[in-house]
């Protein structure tokens, strides 16, 4: 598991957030992000597990955007990296 993903998983566990993607789904996101040429976006950041998979798969020049409507969770997740 990539380090960023592991940190997001620990955050989700600490916050008792049960809706993160499973590792199988994450590996698919990682693979799909590898083929993105410019930007990729997701809605519902949660604790950032899916986002972390996307970031680890995307090329450095790819812009990755995520939106979370829960302000508290978004604030906590923003410190993930």
PDB file of N, CA and C in Angstrom:
ATOM      1  N   UNK A   1       0.849  -1.176   0.000  1.00  0.00           N
ATOM      2  CA  UNK A   1       0.000   0.000   0.000  1.00  0.00           C
ATOM      3  C   UNK A   1       0.897   1.243   0.000  1.00  0.00           C
ATOM      4  N   UNK A   2       0.670   2.162  -0.925  1.00  0.00           N
ATOM      5  CA  UNK A   2       1.477   3.387  -0.955  1.00  0.00           C
ATOM      6  C   UNK A   2       1.366   4.162   0.363  1.00  0.00           C
ATOM      7  N   UNK A   3       2.439   4.838   0.763  1.00  0.00           N
ATOM      8  CA  UNK A   3       2.439   5.554   2.044  1.00  0.00           C
ATOM      9  C   UNK A   3       1.295   6.560   2.195  1.00  0.00           C
ATOM     10  N   UNK A   4       0.984   7.318   1.151  1.00  0.00           N
ATOM     11  CA  UNK A   4      -0.101   8.291   1.238  1.00  0.00           C
ATOM     12  C   UNK A   4      -1.438   7.595   1.486  1.00  0.00           C
ATOM     13  N   UNK A   5      -1.642   6.479   0.840  1.00  0.00           N
ATOM     14  CA  UNK A   5      -2.875   5.704   1.039  1.00  0.00           C
ATOM     15  C   UNK A   5      -2.933   5.188   2.471  1.00  0.00           C
ATOM     16  N   UNK A   6      -1.815   4.679   2.969  1.00  0.00           N
ATOM     17  CA  UNK A   6      -1.777   4.172   4.344  1.00  0.00           C
ATOM     18  C   UNK A   6      -2.119   5.273   5.349  1.00  0.00           C
ATOM     19  N   UNK A   7      -1.619   6.492   5.114  1.00  0.00           N
ATOM     20  CA  UNK A   7      -1.952   7.604   6.007  1.00  0.00           C
ATOM     21  C   UNK A   7      -3.451   7.917   5.953  1.00  0.00           C
ATOM     22  N   UNK A   8      -4.031   7.883   4.762  1.00  0.00           N
ATOM     23  CA  UNK A   8      -5.467   8.144   4.622  1.00  0.00           C
ATOM     24  C   UNK A   8      -6.293   7.053   5.312  1.00  0.00           C
ATOM     25  N   UNK A   9      -5.867   5.820   5.178  1.00  0.00           N
ATOM     26  CA  UNK A   9      -6.569   4.713   5.841  1.00  0.00           C
ATOM     27  C   UNK A   9      -6.519   4.896   7.357  1.00  0.00           C
ATOM     28  N   UNK A  10      -5.358   5.259   7.898  1.00  0.00           N
ATOM     29  CA  UNK A  10      -5.242   5.493   9.344  1.00  0.00           C
ATOM     30  C   UNK A  10      -6.153   6.646   9.782  1.00  0.00           C
ATOM     31  N   UNK A  11      -6.233   7.686   8.961  1.00  0.00           N
ATOM     32  CA  UNK A  11      -7.116   8.811   9.266  1.00  0.00           C
ATOM     33  C   UNK A  11      -8.570   8.344   9.293  1.00  0.00           C
ATOM     34  N   UNK A  12      -8.970   7.574   8.317  1.00  0.00           N
ATOM     35  CA  UNK A  12     -10.344   7.052   8.269  1.00  0.00           C
ATOM     36  C   UNK A  12     -10.636   6.186   9.489  1.00  0.00           C
ATOM     37  N   UNK A  13      -9.673   5.373   9.885  1.00  0.00           N
ATOM     38  CA  UNK A  13      -9.855   4.536  11.075  1.00  0.00           C
ATOM     39  C   UNK A  13      -9.980   5.400  12.323  1.00  0.00           C
ATOM     40  N   UNK A  14      -9.125   6.416  12.437  1.00  0.00           N
ATOM     41  CA  UNK A  14      -9.151   7.303  13.603  1.00  0.00           C
ATOM     42  C   UNK A  14     -10.488   8.045  13.715  1.00  0.00           C
ATOM     43  N   UNK A  15     -11.054   8.423  12.573  1.00  0.00           N
ATOM     44  CA  UNK A  15     -12.326   9.148  12.563  1.00  0.00           C
ATOM     45  C   UNK A  15     -13.537   8.217  12.482  1.00  0.00           C
ATOM     46  N   UNK A  16     -13.289   6.910  12.506  1.00  0.00           N
ATOM     47  CA  UNK A  16     -14.360   5.906  12.397  1.00  0.00           C
ATOM     48  C   UNK A  16     -15.221   6.162  11.157  1.00  0.00           C
ATOM     49  N   UNK A  17     -14.545   6.437  10.039  1.00  0.00           N
ATOM     50  CA  UNK A  17     -15.212   6.700   8.762  1.00  0.00           C
ATOM     51  C   UNK A  17     -15.261   5.386   7.972  1.00  0.00           C
ATOM     52  N   UNK A  18     -16.445   4.777   7.824  1.00  0.00           N
ATOM     53  CA  UNK A  18     -16.527   3.439   7.226  1.00  0.00           C
ATOM     54  C   UNK A  18     -16.713   3.393   5.711  1.00  0.00           C
ATOM     55  N   UNK A  19     -16.661   4.538   5.034  1.00  0.00           N
ATOM     56  CA  UNK A  19     -17.041   4.563   3.624  1.00  0.00           C
ATOM     57  C   UNK A  19     -15.877   4.677   2.647  1.00  0.00           C
ATOM     58  N   UNK A  20     -14.677   4.408   3.071  1.00  0.00           N
ATOM     59  CA  UNK A  20     -13.514   4.482   2.173  1.00  0.00           C
ATOM     60  C   UNK A  20     -13.525   3.320   1.193  1.00  0.00           C
ATOM     61  N   UNK A  21     -12.868   3.535   0.064  1.00  0.00           N
ATOM     62  CA  UNK A  21     -12.809   2.464  -0.925  1.00  0.00           C
ATOM     63  C   UNK A  21     -11.923   1.325  -0.420  1.00  0.00           C
ATOM     64  N   UNK A  22     -12.192   0.146  -0.916  1.00  0.00           N
ATOM     65  CA  UNK A  22     -11.388  -1.034  -0.576  1.00  0.00           C
ATOM     66  C   UNK A  22     -10.103  -1.002  -1.395  1.00  0.00           C
ATOM     67  N   UNK A  23      -9.076  -1.735  -0.974  1.00  0.00           N
ATOM     68  CA  UNK A  23      -7.811  -1.750  -1.719  1.00  0.00           C
ATOM     69  C   UNK A  23      -7.978  -2.152  -3.190  1.00  0.00           C
ATOM     70  N   UNK A  24      -8.886  -3.074  -3.469  1.00  0.00           N
ATOM     71  CA  UNK A  24      -9.105  -3.491  -4.860  1.00  0.00           C
ATOM     72  C   UNK A  24      -9.625  -2.323  -5.695  1.00  0.00           C
ATOM     73  N   UNK A  25     -10.525  -1.564  -5.138  1.00  0.00           N
ATOM     74  CA  UNK A  25     -11.049  -0.391  -5.837  1.00  0.00           C
ATOM     75  C   UNK A  25      -9.955   0.667  -5.988  1.00  0.00           C
ATOM     76  N   UNK A  26      -9.164   0.819  -4.935  1.00  0.00           N
ATOM     77  CA  UNK A  26      -8.083   1.803  -4.959  1.00  0.00           C
ATOM     78  C   UNK A  26      -7.058   1.504  -6.035  1.00  0.00           C
ATOM     79  N   UNK A  27      -6.698   0.233  -6.169  1.00  0.00           N
ATOM     80  CA  UNK A  27      -5.732  -0.128  -7.212  1.00  0.00           C
ATOM     81  C   UNK A  27      -6.292   0.168  -8.608  1.00  0.00           C
ATOM     82  N   UNK A  28      -7.611   0.005  -8.770  1.00  0.00           N
ATOM     83  CA  UNK A  28      -8.239   0.363 -10.046  1.00  0.00           C
ATOM     84  C   UNK A  28      -8.155   1.878 -10.264  1.00  0.00           C
ATOM     85  N   UNK A  29      -8.458   2.660  -9.237  1.00  0.00           N
ATOM     86  CA  UNK A  29      -8.343   4.118  -9.349  1.00  0.00           C
ATOM     87  C   UNK A  29      -6.913   4.520  -9.699  1.00  0.00           C
ATOM     88  N   UNK A  30      -5.957   3.889  -9.059  1.00  0.00           N
ATOM     89  CA  UNK A  30      -4.539   4.175  -9.307  1.00  0.00           C
ATOM     90  C   UNK A  30      -4.183   3.890 -10.773  1.00  0.00           C
ATOM     91  N   UNK A  31      -4.639   2.775 -11.275  1.00  0.00           N
ATOM     92  CA  UNK A  31      -4.367   2.400 -12.663  1.00  0.00           C
ATOM     93  C   UNK A  31      -5.040   3.366 -13.633  1.00  0.00           C
ATOM     94  N   UNK A  32      -6.304   3.686 -13.378  1.00  0.00           N
ATOM     95  CA  UNK A  32      -7.018   4.612 -14.256  1.00  0.00           C
ATOM     96  C   UNK A  32      -6.371   5.999 -14.252  1.00  0.00           C
ATOM     97  N   UNK A  33      -5.945   6.464 -13.078  1.00  0.00           N
ATOM     98  CA  UNK A  33      -5.303   7.782 -12.987  1.00  0.00           C
ATOM     99  C   UNK A  33      -4.010   7.823 -13.778  1.00  0.00           C
ATOM    100  N   UNK A  34      -3.366   6.686 -13.945  1.00  0.00           N
ATOM    101  CA  UNK A  34      -2.126   6.621 -14.713  1.00  0.00           C
ATOM    102  C   UNK A  34      -2.305   6.964 -16.176  1.00  0.00           C
ATOM    103  N   UNK A  35      -3.530   6.868 -16.676  1.00  0.00           N
ATOM    104  CA  UNK A  35      -3.789   7.185 -18.075  1.00  0.00           C
ATOM    105  C   UNK A  35      -4.365   8.569 -18.311  1.00  0.00           C
ATOM    106  N   UNK A  36      -4.468   9.359 -17.257  1.00  0.00           N
ATOM    107  CA  UNK A  36      -5.057  10.691 -17.370  1.00  0.00           C
ATOM    108  C   UNK A  36      -3.997  11.684 -17.854  1.00  0.00           C
ATOM    109  N   UNK A  37      -4.272  12.457 -18.912  1.00  0.00           N
ATOM    110  CA  UNK A  37      -3.265  13.369 -19.445  1.00  0.00           C
ATOM    111  C   UNK A  37      -3.165  14.719 -18.744  1.00  0.00           C
ATOM    112  N   UNK A  38      -4.274  15.227 -18.178  1.00  0.00           N
ATOM    113  CA  UNK A  38      -4.185  16.589 -17.642  1.00  0.00           C
ATOM    114  C   UNK A  38      -4.815  16.770 -16.268  1.00  0.00           C
ATOM    115  N   UNK A  39      -6.043  16.297 -16.056  1.00  0.00           N
ATOM    116  CA  UNK A  39      -6.675  16.469 -14.750  1.00  0.00           C
ATOM    117  C   UNK A  39      -7.699  15.377 -14.499  1.00  0.00           C
ATOM    118  N   UNK A  40      -7.931  15.139 -13.212  1.00  0.00           N
ATOM    119  CA  UNK A  40      -8.924  14.160 -12.786  1.00  0.00           C
ATOM    120  C   UNK A  40      -9.593  14.729 -11.536  1.00  0.00           C
ATOM    121  N   UNK A  41     -10.885  14.443 -11.373  1.00  0.00           N
ATOM    122  CA  UNK A  41     -11.620  14.968 -10.228  1.00  0.00           C
ATOM    123  C   UNK A  41     -12.491  13.884  -9.618  1.00  0.00           C
ATOM    124  N   UNK A  42     -12.756  14.063  -8.331  1.00  0.00           N
ATOM    125  CA  UNK A  42     -13.681  13.176  -7.626  1.00  0.00           C
ATOM    126  C   UNK A  42     -14.552  14.020  -6.711  1.00  0.00           C
ATOM    127  N   UNK A  43     -15.715  13.488  -6.374  1.00  0.00           N
ATOM    128  CA  UNK A  43     -16.578  14.147  -5.394  1.00  0.00           C
ATOM    129  C   UNK A  43     -16.703  13.232  -4.191  1.00  0.00           C
ATOM    130  N   UNK A  44     -16.817  13.828  -3.012  1.00  0.00           N
ATOM    131  CA  UNK A  44     -16.927  13.028  -1.798  1.00  0.00           C
ATOM    132  C   UNK A  44     -15.575  12.533  -1.334  1.00  0.00           C
ATOM    133  N   UNK A  45     -14.702  13.439  -0.964  1.00  0.00           N
ATOM    134  CA  UNK A  45     -13.343  13.089  -0.544  1.00  0.00           C
ATOM    135  C   UNK A  45     -13.324  12.125   0.636  1.00  0.00           C
ATOM    136  N   UNK A  46     -14.283  12.293   1.546  1.00  0.00           N
ATOM    137  CA  UNK A  46     -14.284  11.470   2.746  1.00  0.00           C
ATOM    138  C   UNK A  46     -13.019  11.728   3.538  1.00  0.00           C
ATOM    139  N   UNK A  47     -12.257  10.683   3.787  1.00  0.00           N
ATOM    140  CA  UNK A  47     -10.979  10.828   4.497  1.00  0.00           C
ATOM    141  C   UNK A  47      -9.789  10.723   3.554  1.00  0.00           C
ATOM    142  N   UNK A  48     -10.054  10.762   2.259  1.00  0.00           N
ATOM    143  CA  UNK A  48      -8.979  10.853   1.279  1.00  0.00           C
ATOM    144  C   UNK A  48      -8.384   9.554   0.793  1.00  0.00           C
ATOM    145  N   UNK A  49      -8.995   8.425   1.095  1.00  0.00           N
ATOM    146  CA  UNK A  49      -8.414   7.144   0.669  1.00  0.00           C
ATOM    147  C   UNK A  49      -8.444   7.024  -0.853  1.00  0.00           C
ATOM    148  N   UNK A  50      -9.602   7.224  -1.458  1.00  0.00           N
ATOM    149  CA  UNK A  50      -9.685   7.171  -2.923  1.00  0.00           C
ATOM    150  C   UNK A  50      -8.824   8.229  -3.576  1.00  0.00           C
ATOM    151  N   UNK A  51      -8.832   9.407  -2.998  1.00  0.00           N
ATOM    152  CA  UNK A  51      -7.996  10.497  -3.501  1.00  0.00           C
ATOM    153  C   UNK A  51      -6.524  10.118  -3.458  1.00  0.00           C
ATOM    154  N   UNK A  52      -6.098   9.507  -2.373  1.00  0.00           N
ATOM    155  CA  UNK A  52      -4.696   9.092  -2.245  1.00  0.00           C
ATOM    156  C   UNK A  52      -4.329   8.075  -3.328  1.00  0.00           C
ATOM    157  N   UNK A  53      -5.238   7.152  -3.622  1.00  0.00           N
ATOM    158  CA  UNK A  53      -4.972   6.203  -4.705  1.00  0.00           C
ATOM    159  C   UNK A  53      -4.841   6.931  -6.039  1.00  0.00           C
ATOM    160  N   UNK A  54      -5.726   7.900  -6.299  1.00  0.00           N
ATOM    161  CA  UNK A  54      -5.649   8.670  -7.541  1.00  0.00           C
ATOM    162  C   UNK A  54      -4.320   9.416  -7.647  1.00  0.00           C
ATOM    163  N   UNK A  55      -3.934  10.070  -6.568  1.00  0.00           N
ATOM    164  CA  UNK A  55      -2.692  10.849  -6.561  1.00  0.00           C
ATOM    165  C   UNK A  55      -1.482   9.948  -6.796  1.00  0.00           C
ATOM    166  N   UNK A  56      -1.476   8.771  -6.193  1.00  0.00           N
ATOM    167  CA  UNK A  56      -0.315   7.883  -6.361  1.00  0.00           C
ATOM    168  C   UNK A  56      -0.232   7.312  -7.774  1.00  0.00           C
ATOM    169  N   UNK A  57      -1.362   7.276  -8.473  1.00  0.00           N
ATOM    170  CA  UNK A  57      -1.340   6.746  -9.833  1.00  0.00           C
ATOM    171  C   UNK A  57      -1.112   7.788 -10.908  1.00  0.00           C
ATOM    172  N   UNK A  58      -1.461   9.022 -10.603  1.00  0.00           N
ATOM    173  CA  UNK A  58      -1.371  10.090 -11.605  1.00  0.00           C
ATOM    174  C   UNK A  58       0.064  10.569 -11.791  1.00  0.00           C
ATOM    175  N   UNK A  59       0.368  11.015 -12.979  1.00  0.00           N
ATOM    176  CA  UNK A  59       1.672  11.631 -13.263  1.00  0.00           C
ATOM    177  C   UNK A  59       1.773  12.946 -12.496  1.00  0.00           C
ATOM    178  N   UNK A  60       2.994  13.393 -12.179  1.00  0.00           N
ATOM    179  CA  UNK A  60       3.161  14.635 -11.420  1.00  0.00           C
ATOM    180  C   UNK A  60       2.519  15.858 -12.070  1.00  0.00           C
ATOM    181  N   UNK A  61       2.415  15.892 -13.387  1.00  0.00           N
ATOM    182  CA  UNK A  61       1.838  17.061 -14.054  1.00  0.00           C
ATOM    183  C   UNK A  61       0.313  17.043 -14.071  1.00  0.00           C
ATOM    184  N   UNK A  62      -0.318  15.958 -13.640  1.00  0.00           N
ATOM    185  CA  UNK A  62      -1.777  15.850 -13.635  1.00  0.00           C
ATOM    186  C   UNK A  62      -2.347  16.572 -12.414  1.00  0.00           C
ATOM    187  N   UNK A  63      -3.331  17.402 -12.645  1.00  0.00           N
ATOM    188  CA  UNK A  63      -4.016  18.111 -11.559  1.00  0.00           C
ATOM    189  C   UNK A  63      -5.115  17.195 -11.018  1.00  0.00           C
ATOM    190  N   UNK A  64      -5.071  16.932  -9.716  1.00  0.00           N
ATOM    191  CA  UNK A  64      -6.069  16.076  -9.067  1.00  0.00           C
ATOM    192  C   UNK A  64      -6.915  16.956  -8.153  1.00  0.00           C
ATOM    193  N   UNK A  65      -8.234  16.919  -8.365  1.00  0.00           N
ATOM    194  CA  UNK A  65      -9.170  17.772  -7.628  1.00  0.00           C
ATOM    195  C   UNK A  65     -10.177  16.882  -6.902  1.00  0.00           C
ATOM    196  N   UNK A  66     -10.474  17.257  -5.666  1.00  0.00           N
ATOM    197  CA  UNK A  66     -11.479  16.526  -4.905  1.00  0.00           C
ATOM    198  C   UNK A  66     -12.323  17.511  -4.102  1.00  0.00           C
ATOM    199  N   UNK A  67     -13.600  17.207  -3.961  1.00  0.00           N
ATOM    200  CA  UNK A  67     -14.529  18.076  -3.250  1.00  0.00           C
ATOM    201  C   UNK A  67     -15.184  17.280  -2.126  1.00  0.00           C
ATOM    202  N   UNK A  68     -15.179  17.880  -0.919  1.00  0.00           N
ATOM    203  CA  UNK A  68     -15.851  17.273   0.242  1.00  0.00           C
ATOM    204  C   UNK A  68     -16.772  18.309   0.861  1.00  0.00           C
ATOM    205  N   UNK A  69     -18.042  17.984   1.022  1.00  0.00           N
ATOM    206  CA  UNK A  69     -18.986  18.964   1.560  1.00  0.00           C
ATOM    207  C   UNK A  69     -18.982  19.057   3.079  1.00  0.00           C
ATOM    208  N   UNK A  70     -18.451  18.049   3.773  1.00  0.00           N
ATOM    209  CA  UNK A  70     -18.355  18.106   5.232  1.00  0.00           C
ATOM    210  C   UNK A  70     -17.115  18.924   5.600  1.00  0.00           C
ATOM    211  N   UNK A  71     -17.328  20.121   6.093  1.00  0.00           N
ATOM    212  CA  UNK A  71     -16.228  21.056   6.349  1.00  0.00           C
ATOM    213  C   UNK A  71     -15.207  20.523   7.350  1.00  0.00           C
ATOM    214  N   UNK A  72     -15.668  19.880   8.416  1.00  0.00           N
ATOM    215  CA  UNK A  72     -14.734  19.342   9.407  1.00  0.00           C
ATOM    216  C   UNK A  72     -13.848  18.268   8.797  1.00  0.00           C
ATOM    217  N   UNK A  73     -14.461  17.347   8.057  1.00  0.00           N
ATOM    218  CA  UNK A  73     -13.687  16.273   7.436  1.00  0.00           C
ATOM    219  C   UNK A  73     -12.735  16.843   6.382  1.00  0.00           C
ATOM    220  N   UNK A  74     -13.184  17.846   5.641  1.00  0.00           N
ATOM    221  CA  UNK A  74     -12.320  18.474   4.639  1.00  0.00           C
ATOM    222  C   UNK A  74     -11.113  19.126   5.299  1.00  0.00           C
ATOM    223  N   UNK A  75     -11.315  19.785   6.442  1.00  0.00           N
ATOM    224  CA  UNK A  75     -10.198  20.415   7.155  1.00  0.00           C
ATOM    225  C   UNK A  75      -9.188  19.385   7.637  1.00  0.00           C
ATOM    226  N   UNK A  76      -9.678  18.289   8.214  1.00  0.00           N
ATOM    227  CA  UNK A  76      -8.788  17.244   8.708  1.00  0.00           C
ATOM    228  C   UNK A  76      -8.047  16.589   7.545  1.00  0.00           C
ATOM    229  N   UNK A  77      -8.758  16.339   6.473  1.00  0.00           N
ATOM    230  CA  UNK A  77      -8.173  15.660   5.315  1.00  0.00           C
ATOM    231  C   UNK A  77      -7.125  16.550   4.624  1.00  0.00           C
ATOM    232  N   UNK A  78      -7.317  17.847   4.673  1.00  0.00           N
ATOM    233  CA  UNK A  78      -6.388  18.765   4.010  1.00  0.00           C
ATOM    234  C   UNK A  78      -4.977  18.652   4.581  1.00  0.00           C
ATOM    235  N   UNK A  79      -4.857  18.208   5.808  1.00  0.00           N
ATOM    236  CA  UNK A  79      -3.548  18.041   6.440  1.00  0.00           C
ATOM    237  C   UNK A  79      -2.929  16.683   6.166  1.00  0.00           C
ATOM    238  N   UNK A  80      -3.581  15.871   5.373  1.00  0.00           N
ATOM    239  CA  UNK A  80      -3.114  14.505   5.099  1.00  0.00           C
ATOM    240  C   UNK A  80      -1.747  14.486   4.455  1.00  0.00           C
ATOM    241  N   UNK A  81      -1.507  15.367   3.515  1.00  0.00           N
ATOM    242  CA  UNK A  81      -0.238  15.354   2.829  1.00  0.00           C
ATOM    243  C   UNK A  81       0.758  16.132   3.637  1.00  0.00           C
TER     244      UNK A  81
END
